[in-house]
């Protein structure tokens, strides 16, 4: 998908932010759609079918968290939150509701563009439904349930594999502690973050060249983990 084909819905009530994004993304040949309210964002998301949404949380009519929830009722379009809210609880809630990534204001356009490319690349992988994931020396075949590291099979326990499988399915996206605990252990283990830390540690020991400096499974402090899809 070339940038000329990519429709970006910018949702922000600050004219200066929309102006900055217009000036920064326009030269990249993205097709920009703008909304200043939540109601307008929901209407444009349904009518204009954007390929990606950049969403502020502090909208004048509908909170951005609610916008994420409503869009996720019918669409898997990538959503990148761009907000001044920098607390971990805000990031966790937005990601748990279905956001693909979270960038805190003030931000660099280089970082935002990189996050956009990752989200769009993952969306394309989902649409193609390729069961084989590759990044660096790591190859995960979801159909065969096999994991190869630099040509050698990694022997994972069922829990380690389920953690990795969830990260692969959402490669490039931050998965919260709650999401991984719910998907791997079940709802009764919500809040048992120490389980996750232990198993991620053993998983890193089997797939990372240097577990002390992870190349693939990246920690998002206080929030969760992200599988880097282009190390």
C-alpha atoms as a PDB file:
ATOM      1  CA  UNK A   1       0.000   0.000   0.000  1.00  0.00           C
ATOM      2  CA  UNK A   2       1.639   3.252  -1.102  1.00  0.00           C
ATOM      3  CA  UNK A   3       1.209   6.439   0.927  1.00  0.00           C
ATOM      4  CA  UNK A   4      -0.846   7.927  -1.938  1.00  0.00           C
ATOM      5  CA  UNK A   5      -3.544   5.368  -1.194  1.00  0.00           C
ATOM      6  CA  UNK A   6      -3.535   5.789   2.582  1.00  0.00           C
ATOM      7  CA  UNK A   7      -6.385   7.829   4.066  1.00  0.00           C
ATOM      8  CA  UNK A   8      -5.540   9.272   7.476  1.00  0.00           C
ATOM      9  CA  UNK A   9      -8.328  10.530   9.735  1.00  0.00           C
ATOM     10  CA  UNK A  10      -6.958  13.160  12.145  1.00  0.00           C
ATOM     11  CA  UNK A  11      -9.218  13.727  15.156  1.00  0.00           C
ATOM     12  CA  UNK A  12      -8.140  16.687  17.294  1.00  0.00           C
ATOM     13  CA  UNK A  13      -9.980  19.788  18.507  1.00  0.00           C
ATOM     14  CA  UNK A  14      -6.782  21.894  18.467  1.00  0.00           C
ATOM     15  CA  UNK A  15      -6.472  23.684  15.091  1.00  0.00           C
ATOM     16  CA  UNK A  16      -2.707  24.106  15.545  1.00  0.00           C
ATOM     17  CA  UNK A  17      -2.211  20.337  15.948  1.00  0.00           C
ATOM     18  CA  UNK A  18      -4.281  19.611  12.839  1.00  0.00           C
ATOM     19  CA  UNK A  19      -2.324  22.297  10.975  1.00  0.00           C
ATOM     20  CA  UNK A  20       1.003  20.794  12.084  1.00  0.00           C
ATOM     21  CA  UNK A  21      -0.045  17.286  11.058  1.00  0.00           C
ATOM     22  CA  UNK A  22      -1.365  18.597   7.743  1.00  0.00           C
ATOM     23  CA  UNK A  23       1.984  20.294   7.046  1.00  0.00           C
ATOM     24  CA  UNK A  24       3.967  17.218   8.167  1.00  0.00           C
ATOM     25  CA  UNK A  25       1.924  14.403   6.615  1.00  0.00           C
ATOM     26  CA  UNK A  26       0.830  16.226   3.469  1.00  0.00           C
ATOM     27  CA  UNK A  27       4.279  16.123   1.832  1.00  0.00           C
ATOM     28  CA  UNK A  28       4.307  12.357   2.495  1.00  0.00           C
ATOM     29  CA  UNK A  29       1.367  12.126   0.057  1.00  0.00           C
ATOM     30  CA  UNK A  30      -1.116  10.854   2.622  1.00  0.00           C
ATOM     31  CA  UNK A  31      -4.760  11.720   1.976  1.00  0.00           C
ATOM     32  CA  UNK A  32      -5.848  13.602   5.097  1.00  0.00           C
ATOM     33  CA  UNK A  33      -9.336  13.787   6.584  1.00  0.00           C
ATOM     34  CA  UNK A  34      -9.916  16.014   9.611  1.00  0.00           C
ATOM     35  CA  UNK A  35     -12.403  16.044  12.480  1.00  0.00           C
ATOM     36  CA  UNK A  36     -12.567  18.425  15.441  1.00  0.00           C
ATOM     37  CA  UNK A  37     -15.250  16.557  17.433  1.00  0.00           C
ATOM     38  CA  UNK A  38     -16.047  13.004  18.394  1.00  0.00           C
ATOM     39  CA  UNK A  39     -19.338  13.004  16.550  1.00  0.00           C
ATOM     40  CA  UNK A  40     -17.627  14.158  13.364  1.00  0.00           C
ATOM     41  CA  UNK A  41     -14.918  11.526  13.832  1.00  0.00           C
ATOM     42  CA  UNK A  42     -17.466   8.709  14.104  1.00  0.00           C
ATOM     43  CA  UNK A  43     -19.301   9.950  11.012  1.00  0.00           C
ATOM     44  CA  UNK A  44     -16.104  10.222   8.934  1.00  0.00           C
ATOM     45  CA  UNK A  45     -14.772   6.882  10.172  1.00  0.00           C
ATOM     46  CA  UNK A  46     -17.924   5.239   8.809  1.00  0.00           C
ATOM     47  CA  UNK A  47     -18.319   7.235   5.591  1.00  0.00           C
ATOM     48  CA  UNK A  48     -14.727   7.803   4.422  1.00  0.00           C
ATOM     49  CA  UNK A  49     -13.228   4.439   5.445  1.00  0.00           C
ATOM     50  CA  UNK A  50      -9.809   5.732   6.616  1.00  0.00           C
ATOM     51  CA  UNK A  51      -6.868   3.336   6.640  1.00  0.00           C
ATOM     52  CA  UNK A  52      -5.631   4.732   9.957  1.00  0.00           C
ATOM     53  CA  UNK A  53      -6.927   7.110  12.638  1.00  0.00           C
ATOM     54  CA  UNK A  54      -4.855   9.537  14.735  1.00  0.00           C
ATOM     55  CA  UNK A  55      -7.005  10.325  17.758  1.00  0.00           C
ATOM     56  CA  UNK A  56      -6.807  12.864  20.554  1.00  0.00           C
ATOM     57  CA  UNK A  57      -8.555  11.804  23.764  1.00  0.00           C
ATOM     58  CA  UNK A  58      -9.624  15.249  24.993  1.00  0.00           C
ATOM     59  CA  UNK A  59     -12.446  16.034  22.590  1.00  0.00           C
ATOM     60  CA  UNK A  60     -15.167  18.588  23.430  1.00  0.00           C
ATOM     61  CA  UNK A  61     -18.185  16.293  23.029  1.00  0.00           C
ATOM     62  CA  UNK A  62     -17.205  12.609  23.336  1.00  0.00           C
ATOM     63  CA  UNK A  63     -14.148  11.341  25.194  1.00  0.00           C
ATOM     64  CA  UNK A  64     -11.587   9.681  22.931  1.00  0.00           C
ATOM     65  CA  UNK A  65     -11.752   6.454  24.967  1.00  0.00           C
ATOM     66  CA  UNK A  66     -15.435   6.178  24.060  1.00  0.00           C
ATOM     67  CA  UNK A  67     -14.596   6.856  20.398  1.00  0.00           C
ATOM     68  CA  UNK A  68     -12.200   3.887  20.435  1.00  0.00           C
ATOM     69  CA  UNK A  69     -14.846   1.619  21.936  1.00  0.00           C
ATOM     70  CA  UNK A  70     -17.491   2.642  19.403  1.00  0.00           C
ATOM     71  CA  UNK A  71     -15.201   2.194  16.411  1.00  0.00           C
ATOM     72  CA  UNK A  72     -14.049  -1.196  17.675  1.00  0.00           C
ATOM     73  CA  UNK A  73     -17.662  -2.392  17.617  1.00  0.00           C
ATOM     74  CA  UNK A  74     -17.466  -2.554  13.816  1.00  0.00           C
ATOM     75  CA  UNK A  75     -13.929  -1.841  12.577  1.00  0.00           C
ATOM     76  CA  UNK A  76     -10.320  -3.017  13.030  1.00  0.00           C
ATOM     77  CA  UNK A  77      -8.855   0.158  11.493  1.00  0.00           C
ATOM     78  CA  UNK A  78      -5.536   1.029  13.226  1.00  0.00           C
ATOM     79  CA  UNK A  79      -5.982   3.752  15.860  1.00  0.00           C
ATOM     80  CA  UNK A  80      -3.025   5.715  17.216  1.00  0.00           C
ATOM     81  CA  UNK A  81      -3.818   7.840  20.246  1.00  0.00           C
ATOM     82  CA  UNK A  82      -2.067  11.224  20.244  1.00  0.00           C
ATOM     83  CA  UNK A  83      -2.754  12.814  23.608  1.00  0.00           C
ATOM     84  CA  UNK A  84      -1.391  15.060  26.313  1.00  0.00           C
ATOM     85  CA  UNK A  85      -2.566  12.473  28.853  1.00  0.00           C
ATOM     86  CA  UNK A  86       0.632  10.704  29.795  1.00  0.00           C
ATOM     87  CA  UNK A  87      -0.434   8.669  32.823  1.00  0.00           C
ATOM     88  CA  UNK A  88      -0.014   4.899  32.626  1.00  0.00           C
ATOM     89  CA  UNK A  89      -3.677   4.396  33.562  1.00  0.00           C
ATOM     90  CA  UNK A  90      -4.761   6.420  30.497  1.00  0.00           C
ATOM     91  CA  UNK A  91      -2.450   4.471  28.201  1.00  0.00           C
ATOM     92  CA  UNK A  92      -3.635   1.131  29.587  1.00  0.00           C
ATOM     93  CA  UNK A  93      -7.304   2.049  29.227  1.00  0.00           C
ATOM     94  CA  UNK A  94      -6.894   3.282  25.642  1.00  0.00           C
ATOM     95  CA  UNK A  95      -4.941   0.179  24.625  1.00  0.00           C
ATOM     96  CA  UNK A  96      -7.375  -2.155  26.397  1.00  0.00           C
ATOM     97  CA  UNK A  97     -10.273  -0.510  24.577  1.00  0.00           C
ATOM     98  CA  UNK A  98      -8.604  -1.284  21.246  1.00  0.00           C
ATOM     99  CA  UNK A  99      -6.091   1.441  20.371  1.00  0.00           C
ATOM    100  CA  UNK A 100      -3.057   0.130  18.485  1.00  0.00           C
ATOM    101  CA  UNK A 101      -0.533   2.581  19.889  1.00  0.00           C
ATOM    102  CA  UNK A 102      -0.187   5.622  22.135  1.00  0.00           C
ATOM    103  CA  UNK A 103       1.978   8.703  21.518  1.00  0.00           C
ATOM    104  CA  UNK A 104       2.165  11.415  24.173  1.00  0.00           C
ATOM    105  CA  UNK A 105       2.219  15.126  23.322  1.00  0.00           C
ATOM    106  CA  UNK A 106       4.584  16.843  22.757  1.00  0.00           C
ATOM    107  CA  UNK A 107       5.769  14.438  20.084  1.00  0.00           C
ATOM    108  CA  UNK A 108       8.171  14.229  17.160  1.00  0.00           C
ATOM    109  CA  UNK A 109       6.750  13.732  13.685  1.00  0.00           C
ATOM    110  CA  UNK A 110       9.449  11.114  13.045  1.00  0.00           C
ATOM    111  CA  UNK A 111       8.177   8.996  15.932  1.00  0.00           C
ATOM    112  CA  UNK A 112       4.564   9.364  14.810  1.00  0.00           C
ATOM    113  CA  UNK A 113       5.402   8.382  11.219  1.00  0.00           C
ATOM    114  CA  UNK A 114       7.266   5.312  12.473  1.00  0.00           C
ATOM    115  CA  UNK A 115       4.301   4.260  14.626  1.00  0.00           C
ATOM    116  CA  UNK A 116       1.971   4.796  11.657  1.00  0.00           C
ATOM    117  CA  UNK A 117       4.120   2.622   9.397  1.00  0.00           C
ATOM    118  CA  UNK A 118       4.165  -0.153  12.004  1.00  0.00           C
ATOM    119  CA  UNK A 119       0.387  -0.053  12.512  1.00  0.00           C
ATOM    120  CA  UNK A 120      -0.281  -0.047   8.766  1.00  0.00           C
ATOM    121  CA  UNK A 121       2.201  -2.867   8.163  1.00  0.00           C
ATOM    122  CA  UNK A 122       0.520  -4.978  10.823  1.00  0.00           C
ATOM    123  CA  UNK A 123      -2.908  -4.254   9.372  1.00  0.00           C
ATOM    124  CA  UNK A 124      -1.695  -5.429   5.975  1.00  0.00           C
ATOM    125  CA  UNK A 125      -0.335  -8.633   7.527  1.00  0.00           C
ATOM    126  CA  UNK A 126      -3.712  -9.273   9.149  1.00  0.00           C
ATOM    127  CA  UNK A 127      -5.511  -8.743   5.836  1.00  0.00           C
ATOM    128  CA  UNK A 128      -3.136 -11.099   4.020  1.00  0.00           C
ATOM    129  CA  UNK A 129      -3.512 -13.593   6.889  1.00  0.00           C
ATOM    130  CA  UNK A 130       0.025 -14.927   6.515  1.00  0.00           C
ATOM    131  CA  UNK A 131       0.548 -17.599   9.209  1.00  0.00           C
ATOM    132  CA  UNK A 132       4.344 -17.143   9.161  1.00  0.00           C
ATOM    133  CA  UNK A 133       5.819 -14.175  11.023  1.00  0.00           C
ATOM    134  CA  UNK A 134       9.467 -13.173  10.502  1.00  0.00           C
ATOM    135  CA  UNK A 135      11.581 -10.529  12.148  1.00  0.00           C
ATOM    136  CA  UNK A 136      15.380 -10.684  12.297  1.00  0.00           C
ATOM    137  CA  UNK A 137      16.334 -14.273  13.113  1.00  0.00           C
ATOM    138  CA  UNK A 138      12.948 -15.073  14.669  1.00  0.00           C
ATOM    139  CA  UNK A 139      10.415 -17.081  12.622  1.00  0.00           C
ATOM    140  CA  UNK A 140       7.036 -18.046  14.096  1.00  0.00           C
ATOM    141  CA  UNK A 141       4.792 -20.355  12.079  1.00  0.00           C
ATOM    142  CA  UNK A 142       1.339 -20.051  13.634  1.00  0.00           C
ATOM    143  CA  UNK A 143      -0.120 -22.852  11.538  1.00  0.00           C
ATOM    144  CA  UNK A 144       2.576 -25.351  12.604  1.00  0.00           C
ATOM    145  CA  UNK A 145       3.009 -23.832  16.081  1.00  0.00           C
ATOM    146  CA  UNK A 146       6.767 -23.787  15.505  1.00  0.00           C
ATOM    147  CA  UNK A 147       9.318 -21.178  16.594  1.00  0.00           C
ATOM    148  CA  UNK A 148      12.742 -20.927  14.970  1.00  0.00           C
ATOM    149  CA  UNK A 149      15.605 -18.706  16.144  1.00  0.00           C
ATOM    150  CA  UNK A 150      18.489 -18.336  13.694  1.00  0.00           C
ATOM    151  CA  UNK A 151      17.524 -21.643  12.069  1.00  0.00           C
ATOM    152  CA  UNK A 152      17.235 -23.620  15.317  1.00  0.00           C
ATOM    153  CA  UNK A 153      13.904 -24.645  16.808  1.00  0.00           C
ATOM    154  CA  UNK A 154      13.086 -23.048  20.166  1.00  0.00           C
ATOM    155  CA  UNK A 155      11.328 -25.407  22.588  1.00  0.00           C
ATOM    156  CA  UNK A 156       8.648 -23.333  24.306  1.00  0.00           C
ATOM    157  CA  UNK A 157       6.231 -24.332  27.036  1.00  0.00           C
ATOM    158  CA  UNK A 158       2.507 -23.937  26.210  1.00  0.00           C
ATOM    159  CA  UNK A 159       2.283 -20.696  28.218  1.00  0.00           C
ATOM    160  CA  UNK A 160       5.428 -19.253  26.629  1.00  0.00           C
ATOM    161  CA  UNK A 161       4.063 -20.072  23.186  1.00  0.00           C
ATOM    162  CA  UNK A 162       0.695 -18.481  23.948  1.00  0.00           C
ATOM    163  CA  UNK A 163       2.384 -15.272  25.078  1.00  0.00           C
ATOM    164  CA  UNK A 164       4.457 -15.208  21.892  1.00  0.00           C
ATOM    165  CA  UNK A 165       1.446 -16.097  19.714  1.00  0.00           C
ATOM    166  CA  UNK A 166      -0.541 -13.155  21.112  1.00  0.00           C
ATOM    167  CA  UNK A 167       2.394 -10.818  20.544  1.00  0.00           C
ATOM    168  CA  UNK A 168       2.821 -12.104  16.963  1.00  0.00           C
ATOM    169  CA  UNK A 169      -0.864 -11.668  16.144  1.00  0.00           C
ATOM    170  CA  UNK A 170      -0.581  -8.054  17.295  1.00  0.00           C
ATOM    171  CA  UNK A 171       3.029  -7.441  16.207  1.00  0.00           C
ATOM    172  CA  UNK A 172       4.044  -3.812  16.646  1.00  0.00           C
ATOM    173  CA  UNK A 173       1.126  -3.120  18.976  1.00  0.00           C
ATOM    174  CA  UNK A 174       1.461  -2.682  22.732  1.00  0.00           C
ATOM    175  CA  UNK A 175      -0.398  -5.441  24.579  1.00  0.00           C
ATOM    176  CA  UNK A 176      -1.245  -4.536  28.155  1.00  0.00           C
ATOM    177  CA  UNK A 177      -0.518  -6.798  31.111  1.00  0.00           C
ATOM    178  CA  UNK A 178      -4.269  -7.291  31.528  1.00  0.00           C
ATOM    179  CA  UNK A 179      -4.715  -8.348  27.902  1.00  0.00           C
ATOM    180  CA  UNK A 180      -1.969 -10.978  28.063  1.00  0.00           C
ATOM    181  CA  UNK A 181      -3.065 -12.319  31.445  1.00  0.00           C
ATOM    182  CA  UNK A 182      -6.667 -12.600  30.242  1.00  0.00           C
ATOM    183  CA  UNK A 183      -5.731 -14.305  26.966  1.00  0.00           C
ATOM    184  CA  UNK A 184      -3.080 -16.682  28.347  1.00  0.00           C
ATOM    185  CA  UNK A 185      -4.231 -17.477  31.893  1.00  0.00           C
ATOM    186  CA  UNK A 186      -7.869 -16.391  31.936  1.00  0.00           C
ATOM    187  CA  UNK A 187      -9.847 -13.641  33.721  1.00  0.00           C
ATOM    188  CA  UNK A 188      -9.205 -15.010  37.226  1.00  0.00           C
ATOM    189  CA  UNK A 189      -5.514 -14.090  36.877  1.00  0.00           C
ATOM    190  CA  UNK A 190      -6.103 -10.404  36.127  1.00  0.00           C
ATOM    191  CA  UNK A 191      -3.647  -8.330  38.140  1.00  0.00           C
ATOM    192  CA  UNK A 192      -1.181 -11.206  38.640  1.00  0.00           C
ATOM    193  CA  UNK A 193       1.557  -9.375  36.762  1.00  0.00           C
ATOM    194  CA  UNK A 194       4.309 -11.419  38.402  1.00  0.00           C
ATOM    195  CA  UNK A 195       3.164 -14.494  36.444  1.00  0.00           C
ATOM    196  CA  UNK A 196       3.672 -12.564  33.250  1.00  0.00           C
ATOM    197  CA  UNK A 197       7.082 -11.189  34.236  1.00  0.00           C
ATOM    198  CA  UNK A 198       8.389 -14.669  35.025  1.00  0.00           C
ATOM    199  CA  UNK A 199       7.156 -16.242  31.774  1.00  0.00           C
ATOM    200  CA  UNK A 200       8.270 -13.333  29.598  1.00  0.00           C
ATOM    201  CA  UNK A 201      11.681 -13.657  31.221  1.00  0.00           C
ATOM    202  CA  UNK A 202      11.947 -17.367  30.370  1.00  0.00           C
ATOM    203  CA  UNK A 203      10.580 -16.720  26.858  1.00  0.00           C
ATOM    204  CA  UNK A 204      13.222 -14.061  26.272  1.00  0.00           C
ATOM    205  CA  UNK A 205      15.849 -16.524  27.452  1.00  0.00           C
ATOM    206  CA  UNK A 206      14.850 -18.861  24.608  1.00  0.00           C
ATOM    207  CA  UNK A 207      14.397 -16.421  21.708  1.00  0.00           C
ATOM    208  CA  UNK A 208      16.513 -13.344  22.435  1.00  0.00           C
ATOM    209  CA  UNK A 209      20.197 -13.151  21.389  1.00  0.00           C
ATOM    210  CA  UNK A 210      20.782 -11.187  24.614  1.00  0.00           C
ATOM    211  CA  UNK A 211      17.846 -11.458  27.062  1.00  0.00           C
ATOM    212  CA  UNK A 212      19.269  -8.561  29.096  1.00  0.00           C
ATOM    213  CA  UNK A 213      18.925  -6.323  26.023  1.00  0.00           C
ATOM    214  CA  UNK A 214      15.783  -7.626  24.286  1.00  0.00           C
ATOM    215  CA  UNK A 215      15.646  -7.251  20.520  1.00  0.00           C
ATOM    216  CA  UNK A 216      12.172  -8.690  19.961  1.00  0.00           C
ATOM    217  CA  UNK A 217       9.974  -8.431  23.087  1.00  0.00           C
ATOM    218  CA  UNK A 218      10.076  -4.804  24.200  1.00  0.00           C
ATOM    219  CA  UNK A 219       8.847  -3.711  27.634  1.00  0.00           C
ATOM    220  CA  UNK A 220       6.514  -0.717  27.772  1.00  0.00           C
ATOM    221  CA  UNK A 221       7.048   0.270  31.451  1.00  0.00           C
ATOM    222  CA  UNK A 222       3.915   0.049  33.552  1.00  0.00           C
ATOM    223  CA  UNK A 223       1.788  -0.840  30.521  1.00  0.00           C
ATOM    224  CA  UNK A 224       2.777  -4.127  28.882  1.00  0.00           C
ATOM    225  CA  UNK A 225       4.848  -5.557  26.042  1.00  0.00           C
ATOM    226  CA  UNK A 226       5.309  -5.038  22.320  1.00  0.00           C
ATOM    227  CA  UNK A 227       6.763  -7.444  19.752  1.00  0.00           C
ATOM    228  CA  UNK A 228       9.055  -5.394  17.542  1.00  0.00           C
ATOM    229  CA  UNK A 229       8.378  -6.407  13.952  1.00  0.00           C
ATOM    230  CA  UNK A 230      11.434  -4.759  12.373  1.00  0.00           C
ATOM    231  CA  UNK A 231      14.436  -4.882  14.733  1.00  0.00           C
END
